Amino acid sequence: MADKSNRLPQNAKGKWYVDASCIGCGLCSVTAPDIFILGDDGQAYVARQPQTEEENELAIQAMNDCSAQSIGDDGE
C-alpha cells in the first residue's frame, strides 16, 4: 500500500500520487499515459491529476496493477 508521507516530490498536487517504493517498471505510464510519467530518475510520478471519470478509472487500474503498490489515491 502506498504511503502518502513518502510520496515523491515530482507528483502533481492532489489526491493521486506515487511513493518512493516505485520500482520504475513503467506499467502505470502505459495504462494511463496522460496521468503517470516515468521520470529520468527511473521512478514514475503523477504528471497531472485525473480530470475525467475515464481518467480516474485508468488511474484506479494502474493502482491495482502496480506490483510495488506504489500508487495511492489518499493524498491531498
N, C-alpha and C. Protein backbone atom coordinates (compact mmCIF):
# COMPACT_ATOMS: atom_id res chain seq x y z
N MET A 1 0.84 -1.18 0.00
CA MET A 1 0.00 0.00 0.00
C MET A 1 0.88 1.25 0.00
N ALA A 2 0.54 2.18 -0.86
CA ALA A 2 1.32 3.41 -0.97
C ALA A 2 1.24 4.23 0.33
N ASP A 3 2.30 4.97 0.58
CA ASP A 3 2.41 5.76 1.80
C ASP A 3 2.48 7.24 1.43
N LYS A 4 1.41 7.98 1.73
CA LYS A 4 1.39 9.39 1.31
C LYS A 4 2.46 10.23 2.00
N SER A 5 2.97 9.77 3.13
CA SER A 5 4.05 10.52 3.79
C SER A 5 5.38 10.31 3.07
N ASN A 6 5.40 9.37 2.12
CA ASN A 6 6.62 9.05 1.37
C ASN A 6 6.43 9.32 -0.12
N ARG A 7 5.47 10.19 -0.43
CA ARG A 7 5.18 10.49 -1.84
C ARG A 7 6.35 11.23 -2.48
N LEU A 8 6.55 10.97 -3.75
CA LEU A 8 7.64 11.63 -4.48
C LEU A 8 7.31 13.10 -4.70
N PRO A 9 8.30 13.98 -4.61
CA PRO A 9 8.04 15.42 -4.75
C PRO A 9 7.61 15.83 -6.15
N GLN A 10 7.87 15.00 -7.16
CA GLN A 10 7.51 15.33 -8.54
C GLN A 10 6.01 15.21 -8.81
N ASN A 11 5.27 14.55 -7.93
CA ASN A 11 3.84 14.36 -8.14
C ASN A 11 3.10 15.68 -8.22
N ALA A 12 2.13 15.73 -9.14
CA ALA A 12 1.23 16.88 -9.18
C ALA A 12 0.42 16.90 -7.88
N LYS A 13 0.14 18.08 -7.39
CA LYS A 13 -0.61 18.21 -6.15
C LYS A 13 -2.01 17.62 -6.33
N GLY A 14 -2.44 16.87 -5.33
CA GLY A 14 -3.78 16.31 -5.37
C GLY A 14 -3.87 14.92 -4.78
N LYS A 15 -5.00 14.30 -5.02
CA LYS A 15 -5.35 13.01 -4.44
C LYS A 15 -4.42 11.87 -4.86
N TRP A 16 -4.07 11.80 -6.13
CA TRP A 16 -3.26 10.70 -6.66
C TRP A 16 -1.77 10.99 -6.52
N TYR A 17 -0.98 9.95 -6.22
CA TYR A 17 0.47 10.12 -6.08
C TYR A 17 1.18 8.78 -6.26
N VAL A 18 2.47 8.84 -6.46
CA VAL A 18 3.35 7.67 -6.45
C VAL A 18 4.34 7.89 -5.31
N ASP A 19 4.59 6.84 -4.53
CA ASP A 19 5.54 7.00 -3.42
C ASP A 19 6.92 6.44 -3.80
N ALA A 20 7.85 6.57 -2.88
CA ALA A 20 9.26 6.23 -3.14
C ALA A 20 9.52 4.74 -3.30
N SER A 21 8.52 3.90 -3.08
CA SER A 21 8.72 2.46 -3.28
C SER A 21 8.61 2.05 -4.75
N CYS A 22 8.34 3.00 -5.63
CA CYS A 22 8.22 2.73 -7.07
C CYS A 22 9.49 2.07 -7.60
N ILE A 23 9.31 0.98 -8.36
CA ILE A 23 10.46 0.26 -8.93
C ILE A 23 10.71 0.65 -10.38
N GLY A 24 9.89 1.55 -10.92
CA GLY A 24 10.12 2.05 -12.27
C GLY A 24 9.80 1.08 -13.39
N CYS A 25 8.84 0.20 -13.19
CA CYS A 25 8.50 -0.77 -14.24
C CYS A 25 7.82 -0.11 -15.43
N GLY A 26 7.16 1.03 -15.20
CA GLY A 26 6.53 1.78 -16.27
C GLY A 26 5.13 1.35 -16.64
N LEU A 27 4.58 0.34 -15.97
CA LEU A 27 3.25 -0.14 -16.30
C LEU A 27 2.19 0.95 -16.15
N CYS A 28 2.30 1.76 -15.12
CA CYS A 28 1.30 2.82 -14.92
C CYS A 28 1.31 3.83 -16.06
N SER A 29 2.49 4.12 -16.59
CA SER A 29 2.58 5.09 -17.68
C SER A 29 2.07 4.51 -19.00
N VAL A 30 2.00 3.19 -19.10
CA VAL A 30 1.38 2.55 -20.26
C VAL A 30 -0.13 2.51 -20.09
N THR A 31 -0.58 2.21 -18.88
CA THR A 31 -2.00 2.12 -18.58
C THR A 31 -2.69 3.48 -18.65
N ALA A 32 -2.07 4.49 -18.08
CA ALA A 32 -2.65 5.83 -18.02
C ALA A 32 -1.58 6.87 -18.37
N PRO A 33 -1.20 6.94 -19.66
CA PRO A 33 -0.08 7.80 -20.06
C PRO A 33 -0.31 9.30 -19.87
N ASP A 34 -1.56 9.72 -19.78
CA ASP A 34 -1.84 11.14 -19.55
C ASP A 34 -1.71 11.51 -18.08
N ILE A 35 -1.66 10.51 -17.21
CA ILE A 35 -1.60 10.74 -15.77
C ILE A 35 -0.20 10.45 -15.21
N PHE A 36 0.35 9.30 -15.55
CA PHE A 36 1.63 8.85 -15.00
C PHE A 36 2.75 8.98 -16.02
N ILE A 37 3.89 9.47 -15.56
CA ILE A 37 5.09 9.62 -16.40
C ILE A 37 6.25 8.94 -15.69
N LEU A 38 7.06 8.25 -16.47
CA LEU A 38 8.28 7.66 -15.92
C LEU A 38 9.38 8.71 -16.02
N GLY A 39 9.90 9.15 -14.89
CA GLY A 39 10.89 10.22 -14.84
C GLY A 39 12.28 9.77 -15.22
N ASP A 40 13.16 10.73 -15.42
CA ASP A 40 14.55 10.45 -15.76
C ASP A 40 15.27 9.68 -14.65
N ASP A 41 14.76 9.77 -13.44
CA ASP A 41 15.36 9.07 -12.30
C ASP A 41 14.91 7.61 -12.22
N GLY A 42 14.05 7.19 -13.16
CA GLY A 42 13.61 5.80 -13.19
C GLY A 42 12.37 5.51 -12.37
N GLN A 43 11.78 6.51 -11.74
CA GLN A 43 10.56 6.31 -10.97
C GLN A 43 9.41 7.05 -11.65
N ALA A 44 8.23 6.50 -11.50
CA ALA A 44 7.04 7.13 -12.06
C ALA A 44 6.52 8.19 -11.10
N TYR A 45 5.75 9.11 -11.64
CA TYR A 45 5.07 10.10 -10.81
C TYR A 45 3.80 10.55 -11.51
N VAL A 46 2.92 11.21 -10.78
CA VAL A 46 1.68 11.74 -11.34
C VAL A 46 2.00 13.08 -11.98
N ALA A 47 1.89 13.13 -13.31
CA ALA A 47 2.17 14.37 -14.03
C ALA A 47 1.03 15.36 -13.89
N ARG A 48 -0.18 14.84 -13.86
CA ARG A 48 -1.36 15.66 -13.60
C ARG A 48 -2.45 14.76 -13.04
N GLN A 49 -3.32 15.34 -12.26
CA GLN A 49 -4.40 14.58 -11.64
C GLN A 49 -5.46 14.23 -12.69
N PRO A 50 -6.13 13.09 -12.54
CA PRO A 50 -7.21 12.73 -13.46
C PRO A 50 -8.28 13.82 -13.48
N GLN A 51 -8.79 14.10 -14.68
CA GLN A 51 -9.78 15.17 -14.83
C GLN A 51 -11.15 14.67 -15.25
N THR A 52 -11.22 13.42 -15.69
CA THR A 52 -12.49 12.84 -16.11
C THR A 52 -12.69 11.51 -15.39
N GLU A 53 -13.90 11.00 -15.45
CA GLU A 53 -14.18 9.70 -14.84
C GLU A 53 -13.36 8.61 -15.54
N GLU A 54 -13.21 8.70 -16.86
CA GLU A 54 -12.41 7.72 -17.60
C GLU A 54 -10.96 7.73 -17.12
N GLU A 55 -10.39 8.92 -16.96
CA GLU A 55 -9.01 9.02 -16.47
C GLU A 55 -8.90 8.48 -15.05
N ASN A 56 -9.91 8.74 -14.23
CA ASN A 56 -9.90 8.22 -12.86
C ASN A 56 -9.93 6.69 -12.87
N GLU A 57 -10.73 6.11 -13.75
CA GLU A 57 -10.79 4.66 -13.87
C GLU A 57 -9.44 4.08 -14.32
N LEU A 58 -8.76 4.77 -15.24
CA LEU A 58 -7.43 4.32 -15.67
C LEU A 58 -6.42 4.41 -14.53
N ALA A 59 -6.52 5.46 -13.73
CA ALA A 59 -5.63 5.60 -12.57
C ALA A 59 -5.89 4.47 -11.56
N ILE A 60 -7.15 4.13 -11.36
CA ILE A 60 -7.50 3.02 -10.47
C ILE A 60 -6.92 1.72 -11.01
N GLN A 61 -7.04 1.50 -12.31
CA GLN A 61 -6.48 0.29 -12.92
C GLN A 61 -4.96 0.25 -12.70
N ALA A 62 -4.29 1.39 -12.92
CA ALA A 62 -2.84 1.45 -12.72
C ALA A 62 -2.48 1.14 -11.26
N MET A 63 -3.25 1.70 -10.33
CA MET A 63 -3.00 1.44 -8.91
C MET A 63 -3.17 -0.04 -8.59
N ASN A 64 -4.23 -0.64 -9.11
CA ASN A 64 -4.49 -2.06 -8.84
C ASN A 64 -3.44 -2.98 -9.47
N ASP A 65 -2.88 -2.56 -10.60
CA ASP A 65 -1.89 -3.37 -11.32
C ASP A 65 -0.46 -3.15 -10.84
N CYS A 66 -0.23 -2.15 -10.01
CA CYS A 66 1.13 -1.81 -9.58
C CYS A 66 1.69 -2.90 -8.66
N SER A 67 2.73 -3.59 -9.14
CA SER A 67 3.29 -4.70 -8.37
C SER A 67 4.00 -4.23 -7.10
N ALA A 68 4.48 -2.99 -7.09
CA ALA A 68 5.15 -2.45 -5.91
C ALA A 68 4.18 -1.76 -4.96
N GLN A 69 2.91 -1.66 -5.36
CA GLN A 69 1.88 -0.97 -4.57
C GLN A 69 2.32 0.45 -4.22
N SER A 70 2.86 1.14 -5.22
CA SER A 70 3.41 2.48 -5.02
C SER A 70 2.46 3.61 -5.34
N ILE A 71 1.29 3.29 -5.87
CA ILE A 71 0.33 4.32 -6.28
C ILE A 71 -0.74 4.44 -5.21
N GLY A 72 -1.00 5.69 -4.81
CA GLY A 72 -2.02 5.94 -3.80
C GLY A 72 -3.04 6.95 -4.28
N ASP A 73 -4.22 6.90 -3.68
CA ASP A 73 -5.28 7.86 -4.02
C ASP A 73 -5.84 8.54 -2.78
N ASP A 74 -5.04 8.57 -1.73
CA ASP A 74 -5.49 9.18 -0.48
C ASP A 74 -4.69 10.43 -0.14
N GLY A 75 -4.13 11.06 -1.16
CA GLY A 75 -3.36 12.29 -0.95
C GLY A 75 -4.26 13.49 -0.79
N GLU A 76 -3.64 14.65 -0.69
CA GLU A 76 -4.40 15.89 -0.51
C GLU A 76 -4.05 16.89 -1.57
